[in-house]
C-alpha atoms as a PDB file:
ATOM      1  CA  UNK A   1     107.052  95.010  98.260  1.00  0.00           C
ATOM      2  CA  UNK A   2     105.424  97.699 100.518  1.00  0.00           C
ATOM      3  CA  UNK A   3     103.508  99.036  97.209  1.00  0.00           C
ATOM      4  CA  UNK A   4     102.307  95.283  96.861  1.00  0.00           C
ATOM      5  CA  UNK A   5     101.170  95.322 100.427  1.00  0.00           C
ATOM      6  CA  UNK A   6      99.282  98.561 100.619  1.00  0.00           C
ATOM      7  CA  UNK A   7      97.646  97.443  97.232  1.00  0.00           C
ATOM      8  CA  UNK A   8      96.404  94.095  99.183  1.00  0.00           C
ATOM      9  CA  UNK A   9      95.391  95.856 101.814  1.00  0.00           C
ATOM     10  CA  UNK A  10      93.424  98.931 100.433  1.00  0.00           C
ATOM     11  CA  UNK A  11      91.336  95.652  98.186  1.00  0.00           C
ATOM     12  CA  UNK A  12      90.447  94.328 100.869  1.00  0.00           C
ATOM     13  CA  UNK A  13      88.950  96.905 102.964  1.00  0.00           C
ATOM     14  CA  UNK A  14      87.584  98.094  99.928  1.00  0.00           C
ATOM     15  CA  UNK A  15      85.848  94.609  99.121  1.00  0.00           C
ATOM     16  CA  UNK A  16      84.974  94.438 103.415  1.00  0.00           C
ATOM     17  CA  UNK A  17      83.204  98.165 103.075  1.00  0.00           C
ATOM     18  CA  UNK A  18      81.251  96.522 100.122  1.00  0.00           C
ATOM     19  CA  UNK A  19      80.506  93.379 101.447  1.00  0.00           C
ATOM     20  CA  UNK A  20      79.739  94.761 104.859  1.00  0.00           C
ATOM     21  CA  UNK A  21      76.938  96.979 103.138  1.00  0.00           C
ATOM     22  CA  UNK A  22      75.251  93.818 100.877  1.00  0.00           C
ATOM     23  CA  UNK A  23      75.415  91.116 104.209  1.00  0.00           C
ATOM     24  CA  UNK A  24      72.143  90.455 105.807  1.00  0.00           C
ATOM     25  CA  UNK A  25      74.482  89.113 108.927  1.00  0.00           C
ATOM     26  CA  UNK A  26      74.984  91.148 111.876  1.00  0.00           C
ATOM     27  CA  UNK A  27      77.823  88.858 112.873  1.00  0.00           C
ATOM     28  CA  UNK A  28      79.021  89.208 109.219  1.00  0.00           C
ATOM     29  CA  UNK A  29      78.428  93.166 108.984  1.00  0.00           C
ATOM     30  CA  UNK A  30      80.126  93.600 112.603  1.00  0.00           C
ATOM     31  CA  UNK A  31      82.770  91.744 111.763  1.00  0.00           C
ATOM     32  CA  UNK A  32      83.522  93.651 108.428  1.00  0.00           C
ATOM     33  CA  UNK A  33      83.377  96.829 110.102  1.00  0.00           C
ATOM     34  CA  UNK A  34      85.728  96.500 112.847  1.00  0.00           C
ATOM     35  CA  UNK A  35      88.234  95.015 110.293  1.00  0.00           C
ATOM     36  CA  UNK A  36      87.416  98.461 107.499  1.00  0.00           C
ATOM     37  CA  UNK A  37      87.948 100.448 110.415  1.00  0.00           C
ATOM     38  CA  UNK A  38      91.125  98.778 111.588  1.00  0.00           C
ATOM     39  CA  UNK A  39      93.020  98.017 108.865  1.00  0.00           C
ATOM     40  CA  UNK A  40      94.030 101.201 107.460  1.00  0.00           C
ATOM     41  CA  UNK A  41      95.246 102.365 110.922  1.00  0.00           C
ATOM     42  CA  UNK A  42      97.258  99.427 111.388  1.00  0.00           C
ATOM     43  CA  UNK A  43      98.787  99.660 107.480  1.00  0.00           C
ATOM     44  CA  UNK A  44      99.842 103.892 108.250  1.00  0.00           C
ATOM     45  CA  UNK A  45     101.636 102.657 110.990  1.00  0.00           C
ATOM     46  CA  UNK A  46     103.728 100.160 108.858  1.00  0.00           C
ATOM     47  CA  UNK A  47     103.959 102.707 105.658  1.00  0.00           C
ATOM     48  CA  UNK A  48     105.192 105.577 107.966  1.00  0.00           C
ATOM     49  CA  UNK A  49     107.870 103.434 109.319  1.00  0.00           C
ATOM     50  CA  UNK A  50     108.578 101.993 106.475  1.00  0.00           C
ATOM     51  CA  UNK A  51     108.970 105.723 104.584  1.00  0.00           C
ATOM     52  CA  UNK A  52     111.327 106.603 107.774  1.00  0.00           C
ATOM     53  CA  UNK A  53     113.854 103.549 107.232  1.00  0.00           C
ATOM     54  CA  UNK A  54     113.391 103.348 103.225  1.00  0.00           C
ATOM     55  CA  UNK A  55     112.486 106.681 101.760  1.00  0.00           C
ATOM     56  CA  UNK A  56     108.981 107.846 100.133  1.00  0.00           C
ATOM     57  CA  UNK A  57     106.348 105.499  98.883  1.00  0.00           C
ATOM     58  CA  UNK A  58     106.087 105.767  95.029  1.00  0.00           C
ATOM     59  CA  UNK A  59     101.846 106.150  94.247  1.00  0.00           C
ATOM     60  CA  UNK A  60     101.835 106.285  90.755  1.00  0.00           C
ATOM     61  CA  UNK A  61     103.069 102.640  91.046  1.00  0.00           C
ATOM     62  CA  UNK A  62     100.689 101.829  92.865  1.00  0.00           C
ATOM     63  CA  UNK A  63      98.178  99.195  90.306  1.00  0.00           C
ATOM     64  CA  UNK A  64      94.817  98.956  90.118  1.00  0.00           C
ATOM     65  CA  UNK A  65      92.906  97.034  92.182  1.00  0.00           C
ATOM     66  CA  UNK A  66      90.245  94.411  91.587  1.00  0.00           C
ATOM     67  CA  UNK A  67      87.748  93.085  93.212  1.00  0.00           C
ATOM     68  CA  UNK A  68      87.457  89.704  95.434  1.00  0.00           C
ATOM     69  CA  UNK A  69      84.975  86.920  94.992  1.00  0.00           C
ATOM     70  CA  UNK A  70      84.824  86.095  98.616  1.00  0.00           C
ATOM     71  CA  UNK A  71      86.332  88.068 102.028  1.00  0.00           C
ATOM     72  CA  UNK A  72      87.564  84.806 103.913  1.00  0.00           C
ATOM     73  CA  UNK A  73      89.763  83.792 100.623  1.00  0.00           C
ATOM     74  CA  UNK A  74      91.296  86.967  99.913  1.00  0.00           C
ATOM     75  CA  UNK A  75      91.944  87.653 103.768  1.00  0.00           C
ATOM     76  CA  UNK A  76      93.546  84.157 104.040  1.00  0.00           C
ATOM     77  CA  UNK A  77      95.277  85.109 100.864  1.00  0.00           C
ATOM     78  CA  UNK A  78      96.812  87.944 102.243  1.00  0.00           C
ATOM     79  CA  UNK A  79      97.852  86.630 105.262  1.00  0.00           C
ATOM     80  CA  UNK A  80      99.442  84.212 103.629  1.00  0.00           C
ATOM     81  CA  UNK A  81     101.796  86.393 101.292  1.00  0.00           C
ATOM     82  CA  UNK A  82     102.640  88.471 104.346  1.00  0.00           C
ATOM     83  CA  UNK A  83     103.913  85.413 106.148  1.00  0.00           C
ATOM     84  CA  UNK A  84     106.054  84.424 103.058  1.00  0.00           C
ATOM     85  CA  UNK A  85     107.574  88.076 102.388  1.00  0.00           C
ATOM     86  CA  UNK A  86     107.928  89.326 105.649  1.00  0.00           C
ATOM     87  CA  UNK A  87     111.648  89.456 105.297  1.00  0.00           C
ATOM     88  CA  UNK A  88     111.224  91.466 102.382  1.00  0.00           C
ATOM     89  CA  UNK A  89     108.324  93.777 103.553  1.00  0.00           C
ATOM     90  CA  UNK A  90     110.331  94.450 107.009  1.00  0.00           C
ATOM     91  CA  UNK A  91     113.874  93.918 105.668  1.00  0.00           C
ATOM     92  CA  UNK A  92     114.591  92.484 109.168  1.00  0.00           C
ATOM     93  CA  UNK A  93     113.970  95.744 111.129  1.00  0.00           C
ATOM     94  CA  UNK A  94     111.817  94.057 114.397  1.00  0.00           C
ATOM     95  CA  UNK A  95     109.903  97.776 115.232  1.00  0.00           C
ATOM     96  CA  UNK A  96     108.490  97.198 111.811  1.00  0.00           C
ATOM     97  CA  UNK A  97     108.006  93.560 112.125  1.00  0.00           C
ATOM     98  CA  UNK A  98     106.085  94.299 115.669  1.00  0.00           C
ATOM     99  CA  UNK A  99     103.853  96.703 113.129  1.00  0.00           C
ATOM    100  CA  UNK A 100     103.079  94.121 110.342  1.00  0.00           C
ATOM    101  CA  UNK A 101     102.122  92.010 113.244  1.00  0.00           C
ATOM    102  CA  UNK A 102      99.580  94.478 114.145  1.00  0.00           C
ATOM    103  CA  UNK A 103      98.361  94.147 111.023  1.00  0.00           C
ATOM    104  CA  UNK A 104      98.050  90.205 110.472  1.00  0.00           C
ATOM    105  CA  UNK A 105      95.949  90.845 114.270  1.00  0.00           C
ATOM    106  CA  UNK A 106      93.309  92.797 111.920  1.00  0.00           C
ATOM    107  CA  UNK A 107      93.196  90.035 109.513  1.00  0.00           C
ATOM    108  CA  UNK A 108      93.329  87.437 111.936  1.00  0.00           C
ATOM    109  CA  UNK A 109      90.348  88.510 113.734  1.00  0.00           C
ATOM    110  CA  UNK A 110      88.382  89.528 111.593  1.00  0.00           C
ATOM    111  CA  UNK A 111      88.926  86.051 109.894  1.00  0.00           C
ATOM    112  CA  UNK A 112      87.798  84.865 113.264  1.00  0.00           C
ATOM    113  CA  UNK A 113      84.959  86.574 113.373  1.00  0.00           C
ATOM    114  CA  UNK A 114      83.937  85.641 109.828  1.00  0.00           C
ATOM    115  CA  UNK A 115      84.060  81.797 109.833  1.00  0.00           C
ATOM    116  CA  UNK A 116      82.954  81.791 113.622  1.00  0.00           C
ATOM    117  CA  UNK A 117      80.574  84.330 114.388  1.00  0.00           C
ATOM    118  CA  UNK A 118      78.720  84.776 111.098  1.00  0.00           C
END
C-alpha cells in the first residue's frame, strides 16, 4: 500500500511541476510551486515512519507513473484514495496517521489555491 501512495504522490508532484511551467496564471504557478515543494517532504516523513515500523520499501516494485489530464481531478482523486486506504496505510498507528494528515493538508491547500485563487 505504501508503494501506491509513493507512486500517487510522485505522479502528482511531477504533474504539478510540469503544469507550473505551462500555466499563464500567476496564482496557479504559485499554488503548484507550493505543492511540489511541500509534498515530497510530507511524503518522506510518512515513508520513513512506515519503514521504521515495517521495514524498507521495495522500490523495485513501484510501477511506472502516468501523466494526468487535470491537476485538480488528480489531487481530488489522490485525497479520496488516501482517505479510503488510511487504515491500511497507517496500520492504525496514530503517529503515521498524523503524518498522513500533514500530507493531506498539502493536497487540500493546493486544491484551495487552484480552485479559488487561479
